[in-house]
Amino acid sequence: MLKEFKQFISKGNVMEMAVGLIMATYFGAIIKSLVNDILMPPLGKVMGGVDFAELKLVIQDAVPAVMDGENTVTEAVAEVAIMYGNFINTIITFIIVAFCIFMVVKAYNKMKEKMEKKEEEAPAAPPAPSKEEVLLTEIRDLLKK
């Protein structure tokens, strides 16, 4: 079983997949930063100073704890809200990532088509003569002399 696992892990596809996964993770982080740190602030400014990350629908307001001297009269209650602004940011990030991946795949396919056309256009080299043909050629050449 260990031998099979070693063969599996040493195959090129596994390594390529691992590199692709790492690259995709950081590519996603770059796009997320692009959306959150570069695109959304000016877009929010244009829309009247709106920060999408802060857009939310509050279901229950936060209630601070009330203290009566050293004793707590009421416990604090956390705010309950639907954070739809973060959802909007995530959708925009997804659309940009999907578009970028589409462009990369499109360029890759175009490059692959060009490479395949070049291979088809290149004439195939004639096969090397067999040992018998080489021997017969030498005999013919000797007979001519």
Protein backbone atom coordinates (compact mmCIF):
# COMPACT_ATOMS: atom_id res chain seq x y z
CA MET A 1 0.00 0.00 0.00
CA LEU A 2 2.86 2.37 0.80
CA LYS A 3 4.43 1.60 -2.58
CA GLU A 4 1.16 2.40 -4.39
CA PHE A 5 0.82 5.66 -2.47
CA LYS A 6 4.42 6.60 -3.37
CA GLN A 7 3.67 5.94 -7.06
CA PHE A 8 0.47 7.99 -6.84
CA ILE A 9 2.10 10.95 -5.14
CA SER A 10 5.10 10.95 -7.48
CA LYS A 11 2.96 11.23 -10.61
CA GLY A 12 3.16 14.59 -12.35
CA ASN A 13 -0.59 15.19 -12.19
CA VAL A 14 -0.64 15.25 -8.40
CA MET A 15 2.16 17.80 -8.25
CA GLU A 16 0.55 19.94 -10.94
CA MET A 17 -2.75 19.80 -9.06
CA ALA A 18 -1.07 20.83 -5.80
CA VAL A 19 0.66 23.77 -7.49
CA GLY A 20 -2.62 24.77 -9.14
CA LEU A 21 -4.45 24.64 -5.83
CA ILE A 22 -1.85 26.82 -4.12
CA MET A 23 -1.88 29.30 -7.00
CA ALA A 24 -5.70 29.41 -7.01
CA THR A 25 -5.80 30.08 -3.27
CA TYR A 26 -3.52 33.08 -3.56
CA PHE A 27 -5.18 34.24 -6.77
CA GLY A 28 -8.48 34.29 -4.87
CA ALA A 29 -6.87 36.26 -2.03
CA ILE A 30 -5.52 38.82 -4.51
CA ILE A 31 -8.93 39.23 -6.16
CA LYS A 32 -10.64 39.53 -2.77
CA SER A 33 -8.21 42.28 -1.81
CA LEU A 34 -8.78 43.96 -5.19
CA VAL A 35 -12.53 44.01 -4.58
CA ASN A 36 -12.52 44.92 -0.88
CA ASP A 37 -9.60 47.34 -0.80
CA ILE A 38 -9.52 48.94 -4.26
CA LEU A 39 -12.89 48.64 -6.03
CA MET A 40 -15.43 48.87 -3.22
CA PRO A 41 -14.21 52.08 -1.47
CA PRO A 42 -14.57 54.28 -4.60
CA LEU A 43 -17.82 52.54 -5.52
CA GLY A 44 -19.14 53.20 -2.03
CA LYS A 45 -18.02 56.84 -2.29
CA VAL A 46 -19.86 57.25 -5.59
CA MET A 47 -22.97 55.78 -3.97
CA GLY A 48 -22.94 58.40 -1.22
CA GLY A 49 -20.33 57.10 1.20
CA VAL A 50 -21.74 53.60 1.54
CA ASP A 51 -19.37 50.91 2.85
CA PHE A 52 -20.80 47.63 1.56
CA ALA A 53 -19.13 45.64 4.32
CA GLU A 54 -21.17 47.58 6.89
CA LEU A 55 -24.55 47.11 5.17
CA LYS A 56 -26.76 44.95 7.37
CA LEU A 57 -30.33 44.31 8.41
CA VAL A 58 -30.49 44.38 12.20
CA ILE A 59 -32.92 41.84 13.62
CA GLN A 60 -32.07 42.50 17.27
CA ASP A 61 -30.02 45.41 18.61
CA ALA A 62 -27.16 44.80 20.98
CA VAL A 63 -27.98 45.41 24.63
CA PRO A 64 -25.10 46.20 26.99
CA ALA A 65 -24.95 44.64 30.43
CA VAL A 66 -26.43 46.81 33.17
CA MET A 67 -24.43 46.99 36.40
CA ASP A 68 -25.90 47.91 39.77
CA GLY A 69 -22.85 48.52 41.89
CA GLU A 70 -20.92 45.25 41.91
CA ASN A 71 -23.83 43.07 40.77
CA THR A 72 -24.97 42.55 37.16
CA VAL A 73 -28.66 43.32 36.78
CA THR A 74 -28.95 42.23 33.12
CA GLU A 75 -26.62 40.28 30.88
CA ALA A 76 -25.31 41.72 27.63
CA VAL A 77 -27.08 40.62 24.44
CA ALA A 78 -25.18 40.53 21.15
CA GLU A 79 -26.55 42.14 18.02
CA VAL A 80 -28.26 39.81 15.58
CA ALA A 81 -28.01 41.05 11.99
CA ILE A 82 -28.04 39.85 8.40
CA MET A 83 -24.79 41.10 6.87
CA TYR A 84 -25.91 41.46 3.25
CA GLY A 85 -23.08 43.93 2.47
CA ASN A 86 -20.49 41.17 2.91
CA PHE A 87 -22.62 38.99 0.65
CA ILE A 88 -22.56 41.69 -2.06
CA ASN A 89 -18.76 41.91 -1.74
CA THR A 90 -18.50 38.12 -2.08
CA ILE A 91 -20.68 38.08 -5.20
CA ILE A 92 -18.58 40.82 -6.83
CA THR A 93 -15.40 38.93 -5.92
CA PHE A 94 -16.81 35.73 -7.43
CA ILE A 95 -17.75 37.47 -10.69
CA ILE A 96 -14.27 38.98 -11.05
CA VAL A 97 -12.54 35.65 -10.26
CA ALA A 98 -14.80 33.79 -12.70
CA PHE A 99 -14.08 36.35 -15.44
CA CYS A 100 -10.31 36.16 -14.84
CA ILE A 101 -10.34 32.36 -14.93
CA PHE A 102 -12.44 32.48 -18.11
CA MET A 103 -9.85 34.75 -19.75
CA VAL A 104 -6.94 32.50 -18.67
CA VAL A 105 -8.68 29.35 -19.97
CA LYS A 106 -9.59 31.10 -23.21
CA ALA A 107 -5.95 32.19 -23.75
CA TYR A 108 -4.70 28.69 -22.87
CA ASN A 109 -7.09 27.05 -25.36
CA LYS A 110 -6.07 29.51 -28.09
CA MET A 111 -2.37 28.81 -27.44
CA LYS A 112 -3.04 25.07 -27.46
CA GLU A 113 -4.85 25.31 -30.82
CA LYS A 114 -1.89 27.18 -32.34
CA MET A 115 0.53 24.53 -31.08
CA GLU A 116 -1.62 21.74 -32.53
CA LYS A 117 -1.81 23.52 -35.91
CA LYS A 118 1.99 23.87 -35.99
CA GLU A 119 2.39 20.15 -35.28
CA GLU A 120 -0.06 19.28 -38.06
CA GLU A 121 1.64 21.61 -40.57
CA ALA A 122 5.14 20.31 -39.90
CA PRO A 123 5.91 17.46 -42.30
CA ALA A 124 6.62 14.19 -40.63
CA ALA A 125 10.22 13.05 -40.95
CA PRO A 126 10.59 9.99 -43.15
CA PRO A 127 11.17 6.86 -41.16
CA ALA A 128 14.75 5.69 -40.82
CA PRO A 129 15.65 2.85 -43.19
CA SER A 130 15.61 -0.61 -41.72
CA LYS A 131 18.80 -2.65 -41.28
CA GLU A 132 17.98 -4.68 -44.40
CA GLU A 133 17.57 -1.53 -46.50
CA VAL A 134 20.88 -0.13 -45.25
CA LEU A 135 22.62 -3.44 -46.03
CA LEU A 136 21.04 -3.63 -49.50
CA THR A 137 22.07 -0.04 -50.20
CA GLU A 138 25.67 -0.85 -49.27
CA ILE A 139 25.62 -3.93 -51.51
CA ARG A 140 24.21 -1.90 -54.42
CA ASP A 141 26.87 0.77 -53.94
CA LEU A 142 29.60 -1.89 -53.89
CA LEU A 143 28.24 -3.52 -57.06
CA LYS A 144 28.27 -0.16 -58.85
CA LYS A 145 32.01 0.16 -58.12
